[in-house]
Amino acid sequence: MKFLVDTHSHIYYDKYKDDLSKVINDAEDSEIKRIICVGTDIETSYRSIEIASQYKNVFCTVGCHPHDASKMEDGYLNEIAEMCKHDKVVAIGETGLDYFYNHSSKSTQKKIFIDQIELSKELKLPIVIHNRESDKDLLEILNRYKPKGVIHCFSGNLKMAQEVTKLGLLISFTGIITFKNFNHKDVIKEINLNNIMLETDSPYLSPIPFRGKRNEPKNVKIIAEKIAEIKDLPIQEIINQTTKNAFKLFHRLR
């Protein structure tokens, strides 16, 4: 495959309200032919479906982020399940655990995360996982439920990467890998390319030389180039394999 996939973006934010079509066209001009727009609560999940319905190269996920776990009302899971009937929904999430901000209690985060894992298994959809300072509890849940999916914006150490990939999960890298203070190059070197995907997490985490500016899906190419540099592999090999990985995991992509 000769094009890239931005496997994780949030292009429903107001930062894109005036030029979303241009952002998507610029990505396509840069050989990013698929963009996955990731929901984080009920409202943004609906918005992600709306955007995916408008643009042929945009697909989406639906789910509840750990920050919003305490806001979920009875019936939220049925609502997510209904959204999953849309043919452009490729995964459940972004869900997971975040013990850095703790906007929701740990017990609530774990319950909502497990709810969505069980739904993902029932619907045979992958899950998009958020992890921040919650390695121990996250690994315990992943080992118990063994979902298929990806740890997005992976920033852990080699041991964590080996643990999650051993479970069959993929890890996805953002523009963080271009920062001077990125100190986990060994993860990129050691983890097999078959277990790696690329993402921008737009509008956040713009890669060098755009750090501090609004991120866009087109910048996923910079991340691919950095992976190629660290792994000492041809850029085309990075493009081919990471895109294959995305299509294999997100089997509704087309």
Protein backbone atom coordinates (compact mmCIF):
# COMPACT_ATOMS: atom_id res chain seq x y z
CA MET A 1 0.00 0.00 0.00
CA LYS A 2 1.41 3.34 -1.02
CA PHE A 3 -0.58 5.60 1.27
CA LEU A 4 -0.69 6.36 4.99
CA VAL A 5 -3.46 6.14 7.58
CA ASP A 6 -3.84 8.63 10.42
CA THR A 7 -5.33 6.17 12.88
CA HIS A 8 -6.25 8.71 15.58
CA SER A 9 -7.46 12.30 15.25
CA HIS A 10 -10.07 14.59 16.79
CA ILE A 11 -10.95 16.75 13.80
CA TYR A 12 -14.38 17.68 15.17
CA TYR A 13 -12.90 20.37 17.41
CA ASP A 14 -13.66 24.03 16.76
CA LYS A 15 -10.04 24.49 15.70
CA TYR A 16 -11.10 22.94 12.36
CA LYS A 17 -14.52 24.53 11.94
CA ASP A 18 -13.37 27.04 9.30
CA ASP A 19 -11.18 24.79 7.15
CA LEU A 20 -12.01 21.12 7.76
CA SER A 21 -12.37 20.34 4.06
CA LYS A 22 -8.96 21.89 3.38
CA VAL A 23 -7.39 19.90 6.23
CA ILE A 24 -8.76 16.65 4.77
CA ASN A 25 -7.72 17.60 1.23
CA ASP A 26 -4.23 18.58 2.40
CA ALA A 27 -3.91 15.16 4.02
CA GLU A 28 -4.92 13.43 0.81
CA ASP A 29 -2.42 15.53 -1.15
CA SER A 30 0.25 14.28 1.28
CA GLU A 31 -0.72 10.64 0.59
CA ILE A 32 -2.73 10.22 3.80
CA LYS A 33 -5.73 8.48 2.26
CA ARG A 34 -7.57 7.41 5.42
CA ILE A 35 -8.25 9.40 8.58
CA ILE A 36 -9.89 7.95 11.68
CA CYS A 37 -11.80 10.51 13.75
CA VAL A 38 -12.01 9.34 17.36
CA GLY A 39 -14.95 10.03 19.67
CA THR A 40 -14.40 10.56 23.40
CA ASP A 41 -17.98 10.84 24.67
CA ILE A 42 -21.52 10.53 23.30
CA GLU A 43 -21.56 14.00 21.73
CA THR A 44 -18.17 13.73 19.98
CA SER A 45 -18.96 10.18 18.89
CA TYR A 46 -22.04 11.45 17.04
CA ARG A 47 -19.96 14.29 15.63
CA SER A 48 -17.32 11.80 14.42
CA ILE A 49 -20.00 9.81 12.60
CA GLU A 50 -21.29 13.02 11.04
CA ILE A 51 -17.85 13.95 9.70
CA ALA A 52 -17.16 10.40 8.49
CA SER A 53 -20.48 10.48 6.63
CA GLN A 54 -19.46 13.68 4.82
CA TYR A 55 -15.96 12.64 3.69
CA LYS A 56 -15.23 9.36 1.92
CA ASN A 57 -11.70 9.00 3.35
CA VAL A 58 -12.75 9.64 6.96
CA PHE A 59 -13.82 6.81 9.26
CA CYS A 60 -14.54 7.01 12.97
CA THR A 61 -14.70 5.42 16.41
CA VAL A 62 -17.31 5.83 19.14
CA GLY A 63 -16.83 5.53 22.87
CA CYS A 64 -16.17 7.10 26.26
CA HIS A 65 -12.79 8.51 27.35
CA PRO A 66 -11.76 7.98 31.00
CA HIS A 67 -12.04 11.73 31.61
CA ASP A 68 -15.77 11.46 30.90
CA ALA A 69 -16.43 8.14 32.63
CA SER A 70 -18.26 9.72 35.58
CA LYS A 71 -20.62 11.56 33.19
CA MET A 72 -21.96 8.40 31.57
CA GLU A 73 -25.65 7.85 32.30
CA ASP A 74 -27.68 4.64 32.29
CA GLY A 75 -28.10 3.41 28.76
CA TYR A 76 -24.88 4.95 27.46
CA LEU A 77 -23.55 1.56 26.38
CA ASN A 78 -26.69 0.81 24.36
CA GLU A 79 -26.24 4.18 22.66
CA ILE A 80 -22.64 3.31 21.74
CA ALA A 81 -23.81 -0.09 20.47
CA GLU A 82 -26.41 1.60 18.25
CA MET A 83 -23.78 3.95 16.84
CA CYS A 84 -21.62 0.94 15.96
CA LYS A 85 -24.23 -0.09 13.39
CA HIS A 86 -23.03 2.76 11.18
CA ASP A 87 -20.78 1.30 8.49
CA LYS A 88 -18.06 3.93 8.95
CA VAL A 89 -17.55 3.13 12.64
CA VAL A 90 -14.36 1.03 12.76
CA ALA A 91 -13.74 0.68 16.52
CA ILE A 92 -14.93 1.41 20.04
CA GLY A 93 -13.12 4.10 21.98
CA GLU A 94 -11.30 6.12 22.93
CA THR A 95 -11.55 4.43 26.29
CA GLY A 96 -9.08 3.30 28.94
CA LEU A 97 -7.58 4.65 32.15
CA ASP A 98 -6.06 8.01 33.08
CA TYR A 99 -4.63 8.32 36.59
CA PHE A 100 -2.75 11.56 35.83
CA TYR A 101 -5.81 13.81 35.78
CA ASN A 102 -8.27 11.55 37.63
CA HIS A 103 -11.31 13.47 36.33
CA SER A 104 -13.26 10.32 37.22
CA SER A 105 -12.59 7.92 40.09
CA LYS A 106 -10.40 4.91 39.37
CA SER A 107 -13.26 2.51 40.06
CA THR A 108 -15.58 4.35 37.66
CA GLN A 109 -12.89 4.49 34.98
CA LYS A 110 -12.30 0.75 35.28
CA LYS A 111 -16.01 -0.07 35.11
CA ILE A 112 -16.59 2.07 31.99
CA PHE A 113 -13.44 0.68 30.35
CA ILE A 114 -14.49 -2.92 31.01
CA ASP A 115 -18.03 -2.17 29.76
CA GLN A 116 -16.58 -1.05 26.44
CA ILE A 117 -14.14 -3.95 26.19
CA GLU A 118 -17.02 -6.39 26.63
CA LEU A 119 -19.05 -4.54 24.00
CA SER A 120 -16.12 -4.57 21.59
CA LYS A 121 -15.82 -8.33 21.97
CA GLU A 122 -19.56 -8.81 21.52
CA LEU A 123 -19.57 -6.69 18.34
CA LYS A 124 -16.23 -8.06 17.10
CA LEU A 125 -14.77 -4.57 16.83
CA PRO A 126 -11.31 -3.47 18.01
CA ILE A 127 -10.89 -1.03 20.87
CA VAL A 128 -8.84 2.19 21.04
CA ILE A 129 -7.12 2.40 24.42
CA HIS A 130 -5.93 5.46 26.36
CA ASN A 131 -3.32 4.89 29.08
CA ARG A 132 -1.78 7.51 31.32
CA GLU A 133 0.05 6.56 34.52
CA SER A 134 -2.16 3.48 34.90
CA ASP A 135 0.09 0.67 33.62
CA LYS A 136 -0.55 -1.78 36.47
CA ASP A 137 -4.34 -1.63 36.41
CA LEU A 138 -4.44 -1.44 32.63
CA LEU A 139 -2.32 -4.58 32.23
CA GLU A 140 -4.44 -6.41 34.78
CA ILE A 141 -7.60 -5.63 32.78
CA LEU A 142 -5.98 -6.41 29.43
CA ASN A 143 -4.68 -9.75 30.69
CA ARG A 144 -8.11 -10.64 32.07
CA TYR A 145 -10.25 -9.63 29.07
CA LYS A 146 -7.75 -9.88 26.18
CA PRO A 147 -9.39 -7.38 23.80
CA LYS A 148 -8.18 -6.71 20.27
CA GLY A 149 -7.08 -3.16 19.69
CA VAL A 150 -4.40 -0.52 20.00
CA ILE A 151 -2.74 1.46 22.77
CA HIS A 152 -2.91 4.91 21.23
CA CYS A 153 -0.22 7.57 21.74
CA PHE A 154 2.12 4.97 23.19
CA SER A 155 4.75 6.53 25.45
CA GLY A 156 5.65 3.64 27.73
CA ASN A 157 8.93 1.80 28.15
CA LEU A 158 10.12 -1.30 26.32
CA LYS A 159 8.83 -3.67 29.01
CA MET A 160 5.31 -2.22 28.73
CA ALA A 161 5.47 -2.38 24.93
CA GLN A 162 6.51 -6.03 25.08
CA GLU A 163 3.73 -6.83 27.55
CA VAL A 164 0.95 -5.35 25.44
CA THR A 165 2.19 -6.62 22.08
CA LYS A 166 2.53 -10.10 23.60
CA LEU A 167 -1.23 -9.86 24.21
CA GLY A 168 -1.74 -9.17 20.51
CA LEU A 169 -2.36 -5.44 20.89
CA LEU A 170 -0.81 -2.85 18.61
CA ILE A 171 0.91 0.33 19.74
CA SER A 172 0.57 3.65 17.95
CA PHE A 173 3.03 6.54 17.88
CA THR A 174 2.44 10.30 17.65
CA GLY A 175 4.56 13.39 17.04
CA ILE A 176 6.05 12.91 20.52
CA ILE A 177 8.69 10.68 18.91
CA THR A 178 10.12 13.74 17.11
CA PHE A 179 10.66 15.72 20.34
CA LYS A 180 14.22 16.15 21.66
CA ASN A 181 13.26 14.74 25.06
CA PHE A 182 11.73 11.53 23.64
CA ASN A 183 13.67 8.80 25.43
CA HIS A 184 12.05 5.56 24.29
CA LYS A 185 13.66 5.06 20.90
CA ASP A 186 14.50 1.54 22.04
CA VAL A 187 10.77 0.73 21.89
CA ILE A 188 10.61 1.72 18.22
CA LYS A 189 13.83 -0.14 17.46
CA GLU A 190 12.86 -3.36 19.25
CA ILE A 191 9.12 -3.73 18.59
CA ASN A 192 8.31 -5.45 15.32
CA LEU A 193 6.86 -3.16 12.65
CA ASN A 194 3.89 -5.55 12.42
CA ASN A 195 2.80 -4.24 15.83
CA ILE A 196 3.03 -0.52 15.05
CA MET A 197 0.58 2.08 13.73
CA LEU A 198 0.84 5.84 13.21
CA GLU A 199 -1.36 8.69 14.40
CA THR A 200 -1.35 12.44 14.86
CA ASP A 201 -3.82 12.79 17.77
CA SER A 202 -4.74 16.06 16.04
CA PRO A 203 -5.10 18.83 17.11
CA TYR A 204 -2.57 17.86 19.80
CA LEU A 205 1.09 16.78 19.75
CA SER A 206 2.25 18.41 16.53
CA PRO A 207 5.59 16.95 15.46
CA ILE A 208 8.76 18.99 15.07
CA PRO A 209 8.96 21.46 13.27
CA PHE A 210 5.30 22.33 13.97
CA ARG A 211 5.32 21.82 17.75
CA GLY A 212 2.99 24.26 19.48
CA LYS A 213 0.80 24.72 16.41
CA ARG A 214 -2.47 23.01 15.51
CA ASN A 215 -1.75 19.48 14.39
CA GLU A 216 -3.26 18.01 11.22
CA PRO A 217 -3.58 14.51 9.73
CA LYS A 218 -1.10 15.39 6.96
CA ASN A 219 1.66 15.43 9.60
CA VAL A 220 1.44 11.66 10.06
CA LYS A 221 3.99 11.51 7.24
CA ILE A 222 6.57 13.16 9.53
CA ILE A 223 5.96 10.43 12.11
CA ALA A 224 6.45 7.74 9.45
CA GLU A 225 9.74 9.36 8.44
CA LYS A 226 10.93 9.41 12.06
CA ILE A 227 10.07 5.73 12.52
CA ALA A 228 12.04 4.97 9.34
CA GLU A 229 15.02 6.91 10.70
CA ILE A 230 14.99 5.20 14.10
CA LYS A 231 14.49 1.72 12.64
CA ASP A 232 16.91 2.41 9.78
CA LEU A 233 14.36 1.15 7.25
CA PRO A 234 13.13 2.59 3.94
CA ILE A 235 10.20 4.98 4.37
CA GLN A 236 8.14 2.94 1.90
CA GLU A 237 8.45 -0.12 4.13
CA ILE A 238 7.09 1.90 7.07
CA ILE A 239 4.21 3.20 4.95
CA ASN A 240 3.32 -0.23 3.55
CA GLN A 241 3.39 -2.13 6.82
CA THR A 242 1.72 0.41 9.11
CA THR A 243 -1.10 0.84 6.60
CA LYS A 244 -1.51 -2.94 6.34
CA ASN A 245 -1.63 -3.07 10.14
CA ALA A 246 -4.37 -0.43 10.24
CA PHE A 247 -6.51 -2.20 7.65
CA LYS A 248 -6.06 -5.53 9.43
CA LEU A 249 -7.03 -4.17 12.86
CA PHE A 250 -9.78 -1.83 11.67
CA HIS A 251 -11.39 -4.39 9.38
CA ARG A 252 -14.22 -2.02 8.42
CA LEU A 253 -11.75 0.34 6.74
CA ARG A 254 -12.11 0.24 2.98
